[in-house]
Amino acid sequence: MALTTPSLSGAIITAAQSRFPGSQLTPKLALAVARSIMAWVSVLANVTVQGITSGTAGVGSVNGKLGFSGAPNLVSIALNQAGVTGPTANGTGMAVGAGTLATLNASAQYTGASAGVGTGADVSKVSNANPATLIPILLANLSGQQVAGASTTQLATGLANGISTLMLTGAGAGGVVGPASPIGAAGTSVSVVF
């Protein structure tokens, strides 16, 4: 199952319920973050997955499943570093981090191309997660959900840095499918997250 906006926003809301019961802001923030991640994550310049392939010589398509080893507090730390502090800052970061991490671990996959191997195995790692490209997407989606205030830019910066840090903990394994060859080979792959 691929990542979806409803699964991301639902997981963030679930993670936030114990911290902010009955909050009217939580669903808006969760939807803004989920929409932003979905717009950002599948663009190669924003998030890049690179791997090593082995099998038979050729060129093939790579597909695999990602797992993430990060901790939810990475988002809280990033919010604090961006200047977002106060009684709800840590809870907000933990909710976004926990919900995002749970959804990534349940659903994140990758797809791309293999150079050098046509059929075989792939082991990949998220090698790039660019927070600078996520910040304006978050700002637009936060504004669209009427989440605005004096510290909205700091909020978007902290969330982007934390989510990017979580993404960089991703690694996975998959397969290469393409024309078979009798010659063994090793190669590389470049993929996007979906």
Protein backbone atom coordinates (compact mmCIF):
# COMPACT_ATOMS: atom_id res chain seq x y z
CA MET A 1 0.00 0.00 0.00
CA ALA A 2 1.39 3.39 -0.98
CA LEU A 3 1.38 6.56 1.10
CA THR A 4 -1.87 8.53 1.07
CA THR A 5 -2.99 11.85 2.49
CA PRO A 6 -5.78 10.25 4.58
CA SER A 7 -3.44 7.67 6.12
CA LEU A 8 -0.87 10.34 7.05
CA SER A 9 -3.37 12.83 8.46
CA GLY A 10 -5.24 10.06 10.31
CA ALA A 11 -2.07 8.79 11.95
CA ILE A 12 -1.08 12.32 13.05
CA ILE A 13 -4.56 12.91 14.51
CA THR A 14 -4.42 9.57 16.34
CA ALA A 15 -0.99 10.39 17.76
CA ALA A 16 -2.24 13.81 18.88
CA GLN A 17 -5.45 12.68 20.61
CA SER A 18 -3.81 11.87 23.93
CA ARG A 19 -1.88 15.15 23.91
CA PHE A 20 -4.62 17.50 22.69
CA PRO A 21 -8.06 15.91 23.24
CA GLY A 22 -10.79 17.78 21.42
CA SER A 23 -8.42 20.21 19.70
CA GLN A 24 -9.93 22.04 16.74
CA LEU A 25 -6.47 22.80 15.35
CA THR A 26 -5.15 19.23 15.22
CA PRO A 27 -7.15 18.07 12.15
CA LYS A 28 -6.17 21.22 10.25
CA LEU A 29 -2.48 20.84 11.09
CA ALA A 30 -2.57 17.10 10.33
CA LEU A 31 -4.17 17.66 6.92
CA ALA A 32 -1.73 20.46 6.04
CA VAL A 33 1.27 18.28 6.98
CA ALA A 34 -0.10 15.23 5.15
CA ARG A 35 -0.84 17.16 1.95
CA SER A 36 2.62 18.72 2.10
CA ILE A 37 4.42 15.42 2.54
CA MET A 38 2.46 13.89 -0.36
CA ALA A 39 3.30 16.81 -2.67
CA TRP A 40 6.98 16.73 -1.64
CA VAL A 41 7.99 13.10 -1.15
CA SER A 42 7.57 11.74 -4.70
CA VAL A 43 9.70 14.40 -6.42
CA LEU A 44 13.25 13.11 -7.03
CA ALA A 45 14.84 16.51 -6.32
CA ASN A 46 13.11 16.58 -2.93
CA VAL A 47 13.60 13.01 -1.71
CA THR A 48 16.06 10.66 -3.39
CA VAL A 49 16.49 6.95 -2.77
CA GLN A 50 19.77 5.46 -4.02
CA GLY A 51 20.73 1.82 -4.03
CA ILE A 52 23.03 -0.97 -5.05
CA THR A 53 21.75 -3.73 -7.30
CA SER A 54 23.01 -7.21 -8.07
CA GLY A 55 21.84 -9.89 -10.46
CA THR A 56 22.08 -10.29 -14.20
CA ALA A 57 23.37 -7.61 -16.55
CA GLY A 58 20.98 -5.15 -18.11
CA VAL A 59 18.68 -2.29 -17.22
CA GLY A 60 15.59 -2.81 -15.11
CA SER A 61 12.87 -1.31 -12.95
CA VAL A 62 13.35 -1.22 -9.17
CA ASN A 63 10.55 -1.62 -6.62
CA GLY A 64 10.94 -2.03 -2.87
CA LYS A 65 9.64 -1.37 0.63
CA LEU A 66 11.18 1.24 2.94
CA GLY A 67 11.55 1.11 6.71
CA PHE A 68 12.44 4.06 8.95
CA SER A 69 14.46 3.92 12.14
CA GLY A 70 13.97 7.52 13.29
CA ALA A 71 12.29 8.58 16.51
CA PRO A 72 9.23 10.89 16.76
CA ASN A 73 11.14 13.34 18.94
CA LEU A 74 13.25 14.34 15.90
CA VAL A 75 10.37 16.61 14.88
CA SER A 76 10.09 18.09 18.40
CA ILE A 77 13.82 18.80 18.43
CA ALA A 78 13.62 20.48 15.02
CA LEU A 79 10.68 22.64 16.14
CA ASN A 80 12.64 23.80 19.19
CA GLN A 81 15.68 24.55 17.02
CA ALA A 82 13.46 26.63 14.73
CA GLY A 83 12.30 28.68 17.73
CA VAL A 84 8.93 27.00 18.27
CA THR A 85 8.68 26.57 22.03
CA GLY A 86 5.94 26.70 24.59
CA PRO A 87 3.48 24.36 26.22
CA THR A 88 2.25 22.70 23.01
CA ALA A 89 5.44 22.64 20.93
CA ASN A 90 6.75 19.30 22.16
CA GLY A 91 3.36 17.60 21.88
CA THR A 92 2.86 18.93 18.37
CA GLY A 93 6.28 17.68 17.30
CA MET A 94 5.74 14.28 18.90
CA ALA A 95 2.31 13.89 17.27
CA VAL A 96 3.57 14.84 13.80
CA GLY A 97 6.68 12.69 14.25
CA ALA A 98 4.83 9.64 15.57
CA GLY A 99 2.06 9.80 12.97
CA THR A 100 4.45 10.37 10.09
CA LEU A 101 6.82 7.63 11.23
CA ALA A 102 4.00 5.11 11.71
CA THR A 103 2.62 5.80 8.23
CA LEU A 104 6.03 5.71 6.56
CA ASN A 105 6.84 2.37 8.19
CA ALA A 106 3.46 0.92 7.22
CA SER A 107 3.24 2.19 3.66
CA ALA A 108 6.34 3.84 2.15
CA GLN A 109 7.66 2.16 -0.96
CA TYR A 110 10.12 3.16 -3.63
CA THR A 111 10.32 2.78 -7.39
CA GLY A 112 12.95 3.72 -9.93
CA ALA A 113 15.50 2.48 -12.42
CA SER A 114 18.51 0.21 -12.19
CA ALA A 115 21.61 0.79 -14.27
CA GLY A 116 23.79 -2.28 -14.78
CA VAL A 117 21.34 -4.90 -13.52
CA GLY A 118 18.27 -6.07 -15.45
CA THR A 119 17.00 -8.74 -13.06
CA GLY A 120 18.00 -9.18 -9.43
CA ALA A 121 17.95 -7.59 -6.00
CA ASP A 122 18.20 -4.01 -4.74
CA VAL A 123 19.20 -2.52 -1.38
CA SER A 124 18.50 1.21 -1.08
CA LYS A 125 18.78 4.14 1.33
CA VAL A 126 17.15 7.57 1.39
CA SER A 127 20.15 9.72 0.48
CA ASN A 128 18.50 13.13 0.13
CA ALA A 129 15.54 14.76 1.87
CA ASN A 130 15.52 18.48 1.17
CA PRO A 131 13.75 20.53 3.86
CA ALA A 132 14.16 23.74 1.86
CA THR A 133 11.72 22.44 -0.76
CA LEU A 134 9.23 21.27 1.89
CA ILE A 135 9.00 24.62 3.75
CA PRO A 136 7.08 26.55 1.03
CA ILE A 137 4.75 23.59 0.48
CA LEU A 138 4.00 23.49 4.22
CA LEU A 139 3.45 27.24 4.33
CA ALA A 140 0.94 27.03 1.47
CA ASN A 141 -0.93 24.10 3.01
CA LEU A 142 -0.93 25.62 6.51
CA SER A 143 -2.38 28.81 5.05
CA GLY A 144 -4.96 26.75 3.12
CA GLN A 145 -6.07 25.18 6.42
CA GLN A 146 -6.17 28.61 8.10
CA VAL A 147 -3.26 27.75 10.38
CA ALA A 148 -1.57 31.14 10.48
CA GLY A 149 0.17 33.36 12.95
CA ALA A 150 3.34 35.17 13.82
CA SER A 151 5.35 31.95 14.09
CA THR A 152 3.95 30.07 11.08
CA THR A 153 7.24 30.31 9.19
CA GLN A 154 9.10 28.95 12.22
CA LEU A 155 6.52 26.16 12.49
CA ALA A 156 6.92 25.23 8.81
CA THR A 157 10.72 25.36 9.11
CA GLY A 158 10.77 23.15 12.19
CA LEU A 159 8.32 20.66 10.73
CA ALA A 160 10.24 20.51 7.43
CA ASN A 161 13.57 19.95 9.16
CA GLY A 162 12.12 17.26 11.44
CA ILE A 163 10.26 15.42 8.68
CA SER A 164 13.37 15.55 6.46
CA THR A 165 15.46 14.09 9.28
CA LEU A 166 12.92 11.27 9.68
CA MET A 167 13.06 10.60 5.93
CA LEU A 168 16.85 10.29 6.03
CA THR A 169 16.53 7.28 8.36
CA GLY A 170 14.79 5.31 5.59
CA ALA A 171 16.31 2.21 4.01
CA GLY A 172 14.84 -0.74 2.19
CA ALA A 173 15.16 -3.74 -0.04
CA GLY A 174 13.43 -4.76 -3.20
CA GLY A 175 13.82 -6.33 -6.57
CA VAL A 176 14.92 -5.42 -10.06
CA VAL A 177 12.74 -6.56 -12.94
CA GLY A 178 13.80 -6.35 -16.56
CA PRO A 179 15.28 -8.41 -19.37
CA ALA A 180 17.30 -11.38 -18.09
CA SER A 181 20.90 -11.98 -19.12
CA PRO A 182 23.25 -14.92 -18.53
CA ILE A 183 25.94 -12.54 -17.26
CA GLY A 184 26.14 -11.59 -13.57
CA ALA A 185 26.42 -7.91 -12.77
CA ALA A 186 26.28 -5.24 -10.10
CA GLY A 187 24.85 -1.78 -10.55
CA THR A 188 23.11 1.18 -8.96
CA SER A 189 19.55 2.42 -8.66
CA VAL A 190 17.85 5.76 -8.25
CA SER A 191 14.26 5.85 -7.02
CA VAL A 192 11.46 7.99 -5.64
CA VAL A 193 9.20 7.34 -2.66
CA PHE A 194 5.51 6.63 -3.10
